[in-house]
Amino acid sequence: MSQQVYAGIDLDENGGLTHLGRIVLDAWVFGILPETETCTGWSHAQMQNLYEEVYIAWEPFAHLPSRLPPELSAKHEKLYGQAITIAKRKGWSAELDEDD
């Protein structure tokens, strides 16, 4: 059985608007990773460790973007805005369907 690895945010579904893609985006927001690190080829264990770092970074803000200080809020808005634009170009829709 081969180990599954993350494709990387640039190859992720929905322009990175997946659970793993959002972890990478948030790691960029908080400066945990440089924006050049796409996590291509990362193992499940590496992604889990990154998730835990991101979770801790969000704690002071109650995991709410609205509670971010201005500089982090601007970075969050920029990065997520870019991801949403890419995702929409690829056919992603924010509309919920019957299964959501």
PDB file of N, CA and C in Angstrom:
ATOM      1  N   MET A   1       0.846  -1.178   0.000  1.00  0.00           N
ATOM      2  CA  MET A   1       0.000   0.000   0.000  1.00  0.00           C
ATOM      3  C   MET A   1       0.893   1.244   0.000  1.00  0.00           C
ATOM      4  N   SER A   2       0.666   2.133  -0.943  1.00  0.00           N
ATOM      5  CA  SER A   2       1.495   3.326  -1.025  1.00  0.00           C
ATOM      6  C   SER A   2       0.926   4.438  -0.153  1.00  0.00           C
ATOM      7  N   GLN A   3       1.822   5.263   0.317  1.00  0.00           N
ATOM      8  CA  GLN A   3       1.430   6.372   1.179  1.00  0.00           C
ATOM      9  C   GLN A   3       0.829   7.484   0.322  1.00  0.00           C
ATOM     10  N   GLN A   4      -0.298   8.014   0.758  1.00  0.00           N
ATOM     11  CA  GLN A   4      -0.907   9.127   0.050  1.00  0.00           C
ATOM     12  C   GLN A   4      -0.198  10.414   0.438  1.00  0.00           C
ATOM     13  N   VAL A   5      -0.022  11.275  -0.538  1.00  0.00           N
ATOM     14  CA  VAL A   5       0.602  12.567  -0.286  1.00  0.00           C
ATOM     15  C   VAL A   5      -0.303  13.667  -0.844  1.00  0.00           C
ATOM     16  N   TYR A   6      -0.120  14.848  -0.308  1.00  0.00           N
ATOM     17  CA  TYR A   6      -0.907  16.003  -0.745  1.00  0.00           C
ATOM     18  C   TYR A   6      -0.378  16.488  -2.094  1.00  0.00           C
ATOM     19  N   ALA A   7      -1.285  16.774  -3.007  1.00  0.00           N
ATOM     20  CA  ALA A   7      -0.910  17.227  -4.352  1.00  0.00           C
ATOM     21  C   ALA A   7      -0.258  18.602  -4.340  1.00  0.00           C
ATOM     22  N   GLY A   8      -0.573  19.401  -3.346  1.00  0.00           N
ATOM     23  CA  GLY A   8      -0.084  20.779  -3.276  1.00  0.00           C
ATOM     24  C   GLY A   8      -1.228  21.725  -3.553  1.00  0.00           C
ATOM     25  N   ILE A   9      -1.181  22.882  -2.935  1.00  0.00           N
ATOM     26  CA  ILE A   9      -2.307  23.822  -3.051  1.00  0.00           C
ATOM     27  C   ILE A   9      -2.522  24.267  -4.492  1.00  0.00           C
ATOM     28  N   ASP A  10      -1.458  24.351  -5.270  1.00  0.00           N
ATOM     29  CA  ASP A  10      -1.611  24.788  -6.660  1.00  0.00           C
ATOM     30  C   ASP A  10      -2.258  23.725  -7.541  1.00  0.00           C
ATOM     31  N   LEU A  11      -2.291  22.473  -7.093  1.00  0.00           N
ATOM     32  CA  LEU A  11      -2.943  21.392  -7.838  1.00  0.00           C
ATOM     33  C   LEU A  11      -4.177  20.864  -7.118  1.00  0.00           C
ATOM     34  N   ASP A  12      -4.516  21.454  -5.992  1.00  0.00           N
ATOM     35  CA  ASP A  12      -5.657  21.019  -5.188  1.00  0.00           C
ATOM     36  C   ASP A  12      -6.959  21.326  -5.921  1.00  0.00           C
ATOM     37  N   GLU A  13      -7.989  20.570  -5.574  1.00  0.00           N
ATOM     38  CA  GLU A  13      -9.311  20.815  -6.153  1.00  0.00           C
ATOM     39  C   GLU A  13      -9.820  22.189  -5.722  1.00  0.00           C
ATOM     40  N   ASN A  14     -10.717  22.728  -6.508  1.00  0.00           N
ATOM     41  CA  ASN A  14     -11.391  23.982  -6.164  1.00  0.00           C
ATOM     42  C   ASN A  14     -10.434  25.126  -5.844  1.00  0.00           C
ATOM     43  N   GLY A  15      -9.310  25.173  -6.525  1.00  0.00           N
ATOM     44  CA  GLY A  15      -8.372  26.271  -6.317  1.00  0.00           C
ATOM     45  C   GLY A  15      -7.794  26.329  -4.921  1.00  0.00           C
ATOM     46  N   GLY A  16      -7.792  25.198  -4.238  1.00  0.00           N
ATOM     47  CA  GLY A  16      -7.267  25.152  -2.881  1.00  0.00           C
ATOM     48  C   GLY A  16      -8.314  25.351  -1.809  1.00  0.00           C
ATOM     49  N   LEU A  17      -9.570  25.453  -2.193  1.00  0.00           N
ATOM     50  CA  LEU A  17     -10.637  25.644  -1.207  1.00  0.00           C
ATOM     51  C   LEU A  17     -11.142  24.291  -0.702  1.00  0.00           C
ATOM     52  N   THR A  18     -10.208  23.487  -0.247  1.00  0.00           N
ATOM     53  CA  THR A  18     -10.507  22.203   0.374  1.00  0.00           C
ATOM     54  C   THR A  18      -9.986  22.275   1.805  1.00  0.00           C
ATOM     55  N   HIS A  19     -10.254  21.248   2.574  1.00  0.00           N
ATOM     56  CA  HIS A  19      -9.772  21.243   3.961  1.00  0.00           C
ATOM     57  C   HIS A  19      -8.250  21.429   4.006  1.00  0.00           C
ATOM     58  N   LEU A  20      -7.527  20.664   3.216  1.00  0.00           N
ATOM     59  CA  LEU A  20      -6.067  20.765   3.236  1.00  0.00           C
ATOM     60  C   LEU A  20      -5.580  22.087   2.641  1.00  0.00           C
ATOM     61  N   GLY A  21      -6.239  22.534   1.585  1.00  0.00           N
ATOM     62  CA  GLY A  21      -5.862  23.807   0.980  1.00  0.00           C
ATOM     63  C   GLY A  21      -6.033  24.975   1.929  1.00  0.00           C
ATOM     64  N   ARG A  22      -7.075  24.942   2.713  1.00  0.00           N
ATOM     65  CA  ARG A  22      -7.315  26.019   3.684  1.00  0.00           C
ATOM     66  C   ARG A  22      -6.272  26.013   4.794  1.00  0.00           C
ATOM     67  N   ILE A  23      -5.779  24.828   5.139  1.00  0.00           N
ATOM     68  CA  ILE A  23      -4.700  24.755   6.125  1.00  0.00           C
ATOM     69  C   ILE A  23      -3.467  25.471   5.576  1.00  0.00           C
ATOM     70  N   VAL A  24      -3.152  25.229   4.314  1.00  0.00           N
ATOM     71  CA  VAL A  24      -2.001  25.888   3.688  1.00  0.00           C
ATOM     72  C   VAL A  24      -2.235  27.398   3.620  1.00  0.00           C
ATOM     73  N   LEU A  25      -3.417  27.819   3.184  1.00  0.00           N
ATOM     74  CA  LEU A  25      -3.721  29.254   3.127  1.00  0.00           C
ATOM     75  C   LEU A  25      -3.556  29.901   4.496  1.00  0.00           C
ATOM     76  N   ASP A  26      -4.087  29.259   5.518  1.00  0.00           N
ATOM     77  CA  ASP A  26      -3.973  29.820   6.867  1.00  0.00           C
ATOM     78  C   ASP A  26      -2.522  29.834   7.351  1.00  0.00           C
ATOM     79  N   ALA A  27      -1.744  28.828   6.985  1.00  0.00           N
ATOM     80  CA  ALA A  27      -0.324  28.819   7.342  1.00  0.00           C
ATOM     81  C   ALA A  27       0.385  30.006   6.694  1.00  0.00           C
ATOM     82  N   TRP A  28      -0.011  30.362   5.481  1.00  0.00           N
ATOM     83  CA  TRP A  28       0.543  31.551   4.828  1.00  0.00           C
ATOM     84  C   TRP A  28       0.111  32.810   5.563  1.00  0.00           C
ATOM     85  N   VAL A  29      -1.167  32.877   5.929  1.00  0.00           N
ATOM     86  CA  VAL A  29      -1.682  34.059   6.641  1.00  0.00           C
ATOM     87  C   VAL A  29      -0.860  34.323   7.898  1.00  0.00           C
ATOM     88  N   PHE A  30      -0.619  33.283   8.673  1.00  0.00           N
ATOM     89  CA  PHE A  30       0.070  33.440   9.950  1.00  0.00           C
ATOM     90  C   PHE A  30       1.592  33.395   9.847  1.00  0.00           C
ATOM     91  N   GLY A  31       2.113  33.252   8.642  1.00  0.00           N
ATOM     92  CA  GLY A  31       3.556  33.232   8.472  1.00  0.00           C
ATOM     93  C   GLY A  31       4.216  31.944   8.952  1.00  0.00           C
ATOM     94  N   ILE A  32       3.428  30.895   9.105  1.00  0.00           N
ATOM     95  CA  ILE A  32       3.970  29.598   9.490  1.00  0.00           C
ATOM     96  C   ILE A  32       4.774  29.018   8.331  1.00  0.00           C
ATOM     97  N   LEU A  33       4.281  29.245   7.135  1.00  0.00           N
ATOM     98  CA  LEU A  33       4.964  28.834   5.907  1.00  0.00           C
ATOM     99  C   LEU A  33       5.119  30.044   4.998  1.00  0.00           C
ATOM    100  N   PRO A  34       6.191  30.072   4.196  1.00  0.00           N
ATOM    101  CA  PRO A  34       6.274  31.125   3.186  1.00  0.00           C
ATOM    102  C   PRO A  34       5.252  30.830   2.083  1.00  0.00           C
ATOM    103  N   GLU A  35       4.794  31.862   1.413  1.00  0.00           N
ATOM    104  CA  GLU A  35       3.790  31.682   0.363  1.00  0.00           C
ATOM    105  C   GLU A  35       4.318  30.885  -0.826  1.00  0.00           C
ATOM    106  N   THR A  36       5.590  30.652  -0.878  1.00  0.00           N
ATOM    107  CA  THR A  36       6.170  29.826  -1.937  1.00  0.00           C
ATOM    108  C   THR A  36       6.059  28.332  -1.635  1.00  0.00           C
ATOM    109  N   GLU A  37       5.735  27.979  -0.392  1.00  0.00           N
ATOM    110  CA  GLU A  37       5.617  26.571   0.006  1.00  0.00           C
ATOM    111  C   GLU A  37       4.202  26.099  -0.296  1.00  0.00           C
ATOM    112  N   THR A  38       4.067  25.207  -1.272  1.00  0.00           N
ATOM    113  CA  THR A  38       2.749  24.705  -1.675  1.00  0.00           C
ATOM    114  C   THR A  38       2.391  23.382  -1.007  1.00  0.00           C
ATOM    115  N   CYS A  39       3.329  22.797  -0.270  1.00  0.00           N
ATOM    116  CA  CYS A  39       3.152  21.516   0.429  1.00  0.00           C
ATOM    117  C   CYS A  39       2.996  20.332  -0.526  1.00  0.00           C
ATOM    118  N   THR A  40       3.436  20.499  -1.748  1.00  0.00           N
ATOM    119  CA  THR A  40       3.401  19.409  -2.720  1.00  0.00           C
ATOM    120  C   THR A  40       4.197  18.221  -2.197  1.00  0.00           C
ATOM    121  N   GLY A  41       3.550  17.054  -2.196  1.00  0.00           N
ATOM    122  CA  GLY A  41       4.207  15.827  -1.775  1.00  0.00           C
ATOM    123  C   GLY A  41       4.256  15.605  -0.276  1.00  0.00           C
ATOM    124  N   TRP A  42       3.601  16.480   0.492  1.00  0.00           N
ATOM    125  CA  TRP A  42       3.630  16.327   1.943  1.00  0.00           C
ATOM    126  C   TRP A  42       2.806  15.118   2.355  1.00  0.00           C
ATOM    127  N   SER A  43       3.293  14.414   3.353  1.00  0.00           N
ATOM    128  CA  SER A  43       2.599  13.241   3.883  1.00  0.00           C
ATOM    129  C   SER A  43       1.441  13.665   4.788  1.00  0.00           C
ATOM    130  N   HIS A  44       0.618  12.688   5.111  1.00  0.00           N
ATOM    131  CA  HIS A  44      -0.490  12.935   6.037  1.00  0.00           C
ATOM    132  C   HIS A  44       0.050  13.471   7.367  1.00  0.00           C
ATOM    133  N   ALA A  45       1.134  12.887   7.863  1.00  0.00           N
ATOM    134  CA  ALA A  45       1.706  13.318   9.144  1.00  0.00           C
ATOM    135  C   ALA A  45       2.182  14.767   9.076  1.00  0.00           C
ATOM    136  N   GLN A  46       2.803  15.160   7.971  1.00  0.00           N
ATOM    137  CA  GLN A  46       3.254  16.544   7.815  1.00  0.00           C
ATOM    138  C   GLN A  46       2.067  17.505   7.781  1.00  0.00           C
ATOM    139  N   MET A  47       1.018  17.121   7.068  1.00  0.00           N
ATOM    140  CA  MET A  47      -0.173  17.981   6.995  1.00  0.00           C
ATOM    141  C   MET A  47      -0.861  18.059   8.361  1.00  0.00           C
ATOM    142  N   GLN A  48      -0.862  16.966   9.109  1.00  0.00           N
ATOM    143  CA  GLN A  48      -1.446  16.973  10.452  1.00  0.00           C
ATOM    144  C   GLN A  48      -0.663  17.910  11.370  1.00  0.00           C
ATOM    145  N   ASN A  49       0.661  17.853  11.294  1.00  0.00           N
ATOM    146  CA  ASN A  49       1.487  18.757  12.101  1.00  0.00           C
ATOM    147  C   ASN A  49       1.236  20.216  11.735  1.00  0.00           C
ATOM    148  N   LEU A  50       1.093  20.489  10.436  1.00  0.00           N
ATOM    149  CA  LEU A  50       0.794  21.847   9.988  1.00  0.00           C
ATOM    150  C   LEU A  50      -0.568  22.282  10.503  1.00  0.00           C
ATOM    151  N   TYR A  51      -1.557  21.387  10.423  1.00  0.00           N
ATOM    152  CA  TYR A  51      -2.889  21.704  10.941  1.00  0.00           C
ATOM    153  C   TYR A  51      -2.808  22.112  12.410  1.00  0.00           C
ATOM    154  N   GLU A  52      -2.046  21.377  13.194  1.00  0.00           N
ATOM    155  CA  GLU A  52      -1.937  21.674  14.621  1.00  0.00           C
ATOM    156  C   GLU A  52      -1.300  23.040  14.866  1.00  0.00           C
ATOM    157  N   GLU A  53      -0.306  23.407  14.067  1.00  0.00           N
ATOM    158  CA  GLU A  53       0.301  24.735  14.185  1.00  0.00           C
ATOM    159  C   GLU A  53      -0.693  25.833  13.820  1.00  0.00           C
ATOM    160  N   VAL A  54      -1.437  25.605  12.748  1.00  0.00           N
ATOM    161  CA  VAL A  54      -2.431  26.578  12.296  1.00  0.00           C
ATOM    162  C   VAL A  54      -3.539  26.716  13.347  1.00  0.00           C
ATOM    163  N   TYR A  55      -3.983  25.609  13.912  1.00  0.00           N
ATOM    164  CA  TYR A  55      -5.017  25.633  14.944  1.00  0.00           C
ATOM    165  C   TYR A  55      -4.580  26.505  16.127  1.00  0.00           C
ATOM    166  N   ILE A  56      -3.349  26.319  16.557  1.00  0.00           N
ATOM    167  CA  ILE A  56      -2.818  27.108  17.673  1.00  0.00           C
ATOM    168  C   ILE A  56      -2.749  28.587  17.301  1.00  0.00           C
ATOM    169  N   ALA A  57      -2.360  28.888  16.064  1.00  0.00           N
ATOM    170  CA  ALA A  57      -2.269  30.283  15.616  1.00  0.00           C
ATOM    171  C   ALA A  57      -3.635  30.960  15.611  1.00  0.00           C
ATOM    172  N   TRP A  58      -4.700  30.206  15.308  1.00  0.00           N
ATOM    173  CA  TRP A  58      -6.050  30.759  15.267  1.00  0.00           C
ATOM    174  C   TRP A  58      -6.641  30.973  16.656  1.00  0.00           C
ATOM    175  N   GLU A  59      -6.180  30.223  17.661  1.00  0.00           N
ATOM    176  CA  GLU A  59      -6.806  30.260  18.986  1.00  0.00           C
ATOM    177  C   GLU A  59      -6.985  31.663  19.571  1.00  0.00           C
ATOM    178  N   PRO A  60      -5.993  32.558  19.527  1.00  0.00           N
ATOM    179  CA  PRO A  60      -6.192  33.889  20.118  1.00  0.00           C
ATOM    180  C   PRO A  60      -7.313  34.702  19.449  1.00  0.00           C
ATOM    181  N   PHE A  61      -7.719  34.266  18.265  1.00  0.00           N
ATOM    182  CA  PHE A  61      -8.741  34.991  17.502  1.00  0.00           C
ATOM    183  C   PHE A  61     -10.046  34.210  17.437  1.00  0.00           C
ATOM    184  N   ALA A  62     -10.194  33.215  18.306  1.00  0.00           N
ATOM    185  CA  ALA A  62     -11.401  32.377  18.374  1.00  0.00           C
ATOM    186  C   ALA A  62     -11.725  31.735  17.028  1.00  0.00           C
ATOM    187  N   HIS A  63     -10.708  31.545  16.201  1.00  0.00           N
ATOM    188  CA  HIS A  63     -10.862  30.906  14.884  1.00  0.00           C
ATOM    189  C   HIS A  63     -11.803  31.696  13.972  1.00  0.00           C
ATOM    190  N   LEU A  64     -11.873  33.003  14.178  1.00  0.00           N
ATOM    191  CA  LEU A  64     -12.758  33.870  13.387  1.00  0.00           C
ATOM    192  C   LEU A  64     -11.943  34.923  12.634  1.00  0.00           C
ATOM    193  N   PRO A  65     -12.036  34.945  11.310  1.00  0.00           N
ATOM    194  CA  PRO A  65     -11.324  35.974  10.553  1.00  0.00           C
ATOM    195  C   PRO A  65     -11.684  37.394  10.983  1.00  0.00           C
ATOM    196  N   SER A  66     -12.900  37.600  11.426  1.00  0.00           N
ATOM    197  CA  SER A  66     -13.329  38.942  11.847  1.00  0.00           C
ATOM    198  C   SER A  66     -12.577  39.438  13.073  1.00  0.00           C
ATOM    199  N   ARG A  67     -11.913  38.567  13.784  1.00  0.00           N
ATOM    200  CA  ARG A  67     -11.165  38.956  14.980  1.00  0.00           C
ATOM    201  C   ARG A  67      -9.675  39.137  14.719  1.00  0.00           C
ATOM    202  N   LEU A  68      -9.258  38.949  13.481  1.00  0.00           N
ATOM    203  CA  LEU A  68      -7.847  39.131  13.151  1.00  0.00           C
ATOM    204  C   LEU A  68      -7.475  40.607  13.229  1.00  0.00           C
ATOM    205  N   PRO A  69      -6.241  40.919  13.637  1.00  0.00           N
ATOM    206  CA  PRO A  69      -5.798  42.311  13.596  1.00  0.00           C
ATOM    207  C   PRO A  69      -5.678  42.760  12.134  1.00  0.00           C
ATOM    208  N   PRO A  70      -5.668  44.070  11.904  1.00  0.00           N
ATOM    209  CA  PRO A  70      -5.714  44.591  10.533  1.00  0.00           C
ATOM    210  C   PRO A  70      -4.711  43.976   9.560  1.00  0.00           C
ATOM    211  N   GLU A  71      -3.457  43.806   9.974  1.00  0.00           N
ATOM    212  CA  GLU A  71      -2.453  43.285   9.030  1.00  0.00           C
ATOM    213  C   GLU A  71      -2.740  41.829   8.651  1.00  0.00           C
ATOM    214  N   LEU A  72      -3.170  41.017   9.616  1.00  0.00           N
ATOM    215  CA  LEU A  72      -3.518  39.627   9.297  1.00  0.00           C
ATOM    216  C   LEU A  72      -4.837  39.552   8.536  1.00  0.00           C
ATOM    217  N   SER A  73      -5.756  40.425   8.869  1.00  0.00           N
ATOM    218  CA  SER A  73      -7.037  40.459   8.170  1.00  0.00           C
ATOM    219  C   SER A  73      -6.827  40.783   6.686  1.00  0.00           C
ATOM    220  N   ALA A  74      -5.974  41.746   6.407  1.00  0.00           N
ATOM    221  CA  ALA A  74      -5.689  42.118   5.017  1.00  0.00           C
ATOM    222  C   ALA A  74      -5.033  40.963   4.273  1.00  0.00           C
ATOM    223  N   LYS A  75      -4.112  40.276   4.931  1.00  0.00           N
ATOM    224  CA  LYS A  75      -3.445  39.142   4.301  1.00  0.00           C
ATOM    225  C   LYS A  75      -4.438  38.011   4.058  1.00  0.00           C
ATOM    226  N   HIS A  76      -5.309  37.754   5.019  1.00  0.00           N
ATOM    227  CA  HIS A  76      -6.340  36.716   4.890  1.00  0.00           C
ATOM    228  C   HIS A  76      -7.258  37.044   3.710  1.00  0.00           C
ATOM    229  N   GLU A  77      -7.709  38.279   3.655  1.00  0.00           N
ATOM    230  CA  GLU A  77      -8.606  38.704   2.580  1.00  0.00           C
ATOM    231  C   GLU A  77      -7.942  38.556   1.213  1.00  0.00           C
ATOM    232  N   LYS A  78      -6.677  38.940   1.124  1.00  0.00           N
ATOM    233  CA  LYS A  78      -5.934  38.837  -0.146  1.00  0.00           C
ATOM    234  C   LYS A  78      -5.785  37.384  -0.577  1.00  0.00           C
ATOM    235  N   LEU A  79      -5.291  36.531   0.312  1.00  0.00           N
ATOM    236  CA  LEU A  79      -5.023  35.133  -0.038  1.00  0.00           C
ATOM    237  C   LEU A  79      -6.305  34.371  -0.351  1.00  0.00           C
ATOM    238  N   TYR A  80      -7.327  34.548   0.464  1.00  0.00           N
ATOM    239  CA  TYR A  80      -8.583  33.851   0.206  1.00  0.00           C
ATOM    240  C   TYR A  80      -9.283  34.425  -1.024  1.00  0.00           C
ATOM    241  N   GLY A  81      -9.161  35.729  -1.246  1.00  0.00           N
ATOM    242  CA  GLY A  81      -9.729  36.329  -2.451  1.00  0.00           C
ATOM    243  C   GLY A  81      -9.105  35.747  -3.708  1.00  0.00           C
ATOM    244  N   GLN A  82      -7.785  35.571  -3.686  1.00  0.00           N
ATOM    245  CA  GLN A  82      -7.096  34.962  -4.836  1.00  0.00           C
ATOM    246  C   GLN A  82      -7.555  33.522  -5.027  1.00  0.00           C
ATOM    247  N   ALA A  83      -7.665  32.778  -3.934  1.00  0.00           N
ATOM    248  CA  ALA A  83      -8.086  31.370  -4.022  1.00  0.00           C
ATOM    249  C   ALA A  83      -9.507  31.266  -4.567  1.00  0.00           C
ATOM    250  N   ILE A  84     -10.389  32.135  -4.127  1.00  0.00           N
ATOM    251  CA  ILE A  84     -11.780  32.117  -4.596  1.00  0.00           C
ATOM    252  C   ILE A  84     -11.846  32.448  -6.085  1.00  0.00           C
ATOM    253  N   THR A  85     -11.062  33.422  -6.523  1.00  0.00           N
ATOM    254  CA  THR A  85     -11.028  33.778  -7.947  1.00  0.00           C
ATOM    255  C   THR A  85     -10.575  32.593  -8.790  1.00  0.00           C
ATOM    256  N   ILE A  86      -9.507  31.927  -8.364  1.00  0.00           N
ATOM    257  CA  ILE A  86      -9.005  30.748  -9.081  1.00  0.00           C
ATOM    258  C   ILE A  86     -10.058  29.647  -9.085  1.00  0.00           C
ATOM    259  N   ALA A  87     -10.668  29.409  -7.940  1.00  0.00           N
ATOM    260  CA  ALA A  87     -11.674  28.347  -7.827  1.00  0.00           C
ATOM    261  C   ALA A  87     -12.875  28.617  -8.733  1.00  0.00           C
ATOM    262  N   LYS A  88     -13.318  29.853  -8.787  1.00  0.00           N
ATOM    263  CA  LYS A  88     -14.457  30.190  -9.651  1.00  0.00           C
ATOM    264  C   LYS A  88     -14.110  29.972 -11.115  1.00  0.00           C
ATOM    265  N   ARG A  89     -12.865  30.296 -11.499  1.00  0.00           N
ATOM    266  CA  ARG A  89     -12.433  30.054 -12.875  1.00  0.00           C
ATOM    267  C   ARG A  89     -12.457  28.570 -13.216  1.00  0.00           C
ATOM    268  N   LYS A  90     -12.274  27.742 -12.201  1.00  0.00           N
ATOM    269  CA  LYS A  90     -12.271  26.288 -12.391  1.00  0.00           C
ATOM    270  C   LYS A  90     -13.658  25.676 -12.225  1.00  0.00           C
ATOM    271  N   GLY A  91     -14.671  26.531 -12.038  1.00  0.00           N
ATOM    272  CA  GLY A  91     -16.039  26.044 -11.962  1.00  0.00           C
ATOM    273  C   GLY A  91     -16.597  25.863 -10.560  1.00  0.00           C
ATOM    274  N   TRP A  92     -15.845  26.228  -9.531  1.00  0.00           N
ATOM    275  CA  TRP A  92     -16.318  26.114  -8.159  1.00  0.00           C
ATOM    276  C   TRP A  92     -17.445  27.103  -7.896  1.00  0.00           C
ATOM    277  N   SER A  93     -18.399  26.696  -7.098  1.00  0.00           N
ATOM    278  CA  SER A  93     -19.498  27.574  -6.706  1.00  0.00           C
ATOM    279  C   SER A  93     -19.671  27.482  -5.195  1.00  0.00           C
ATOM    280  N   ALA A  94     -19.912  28.603  -4.570  1.00  0.00           N
ATOM    281  CA  ALA A  94     -20.125  28.642  -3.128  1.00  0.00           C
ATOM    282  C   ALA A  94     -21.542  28.216  -2.743  1.00  0.00           C
ATOM    283  N   GLU A  95     -22.390  28.061  -3.730  1.00  0.00           N
ATOM    284  CA  GLU A  95     -23.778  27.652  -3.456  1.00  0.00           C
ATOM    285  C   GLU A  95     -23.809  26.246  -2.891  1.00  0.00           C
ATOM    286  N   LEU A  96     -24.611  26.055  -1.869  1.00  0.00           N
ATOM    287  CA  LEU A  96     -24.795  24.723  -1.302  1.00  0.00           C
ATOM    288  C   LEU A  96     -25.787  23.939  -2.139  1.00  0.00           C
ATOM    289  N   ASP A  97     -25.548  22.630  -2.255  1.00  0.00           N
ATOM    290  CA  ASP A  97     -26.526  21.811  -2.965  1.00  0.00           C
ATOM    291  C   ASP A  97     -27.303  20.975  -1.945  1.00  0.00           C
ATOM    292  N   GLU A  98     -28.115  20.074  -2.412  1.00  0.00           N
ATOM    293  CA  GLU A  98     -28.983  19.315  -1.530  1.00  0.00           C
ATOM    294  C   GLU A  98     -28.224  18.454  -0.528  1.00  0.00           C
ATOM    295  N   ASP A  99     -26.994  18.083  -0.842  1.00  0.00           N
ATOM    296  CA  ASP A  99     -26.214  17.215   0.040  1.00  0.00           C
ATOM    297  C   ASP A  99     -25.431  17.989   1.101  1.00  0.00           C
ATOM    298  N   ASP A 100     -25.430  19.315   1.042  1.00  0.00           N
ATOM    299  CA  ASP A 100     -24.649  20.124   1.987  1.00  0.00           C
ATOM    300  C   ASP A 100     -25.476  20.562   3.166  1.00  0.00           C
TER     301      ASP A 100
END
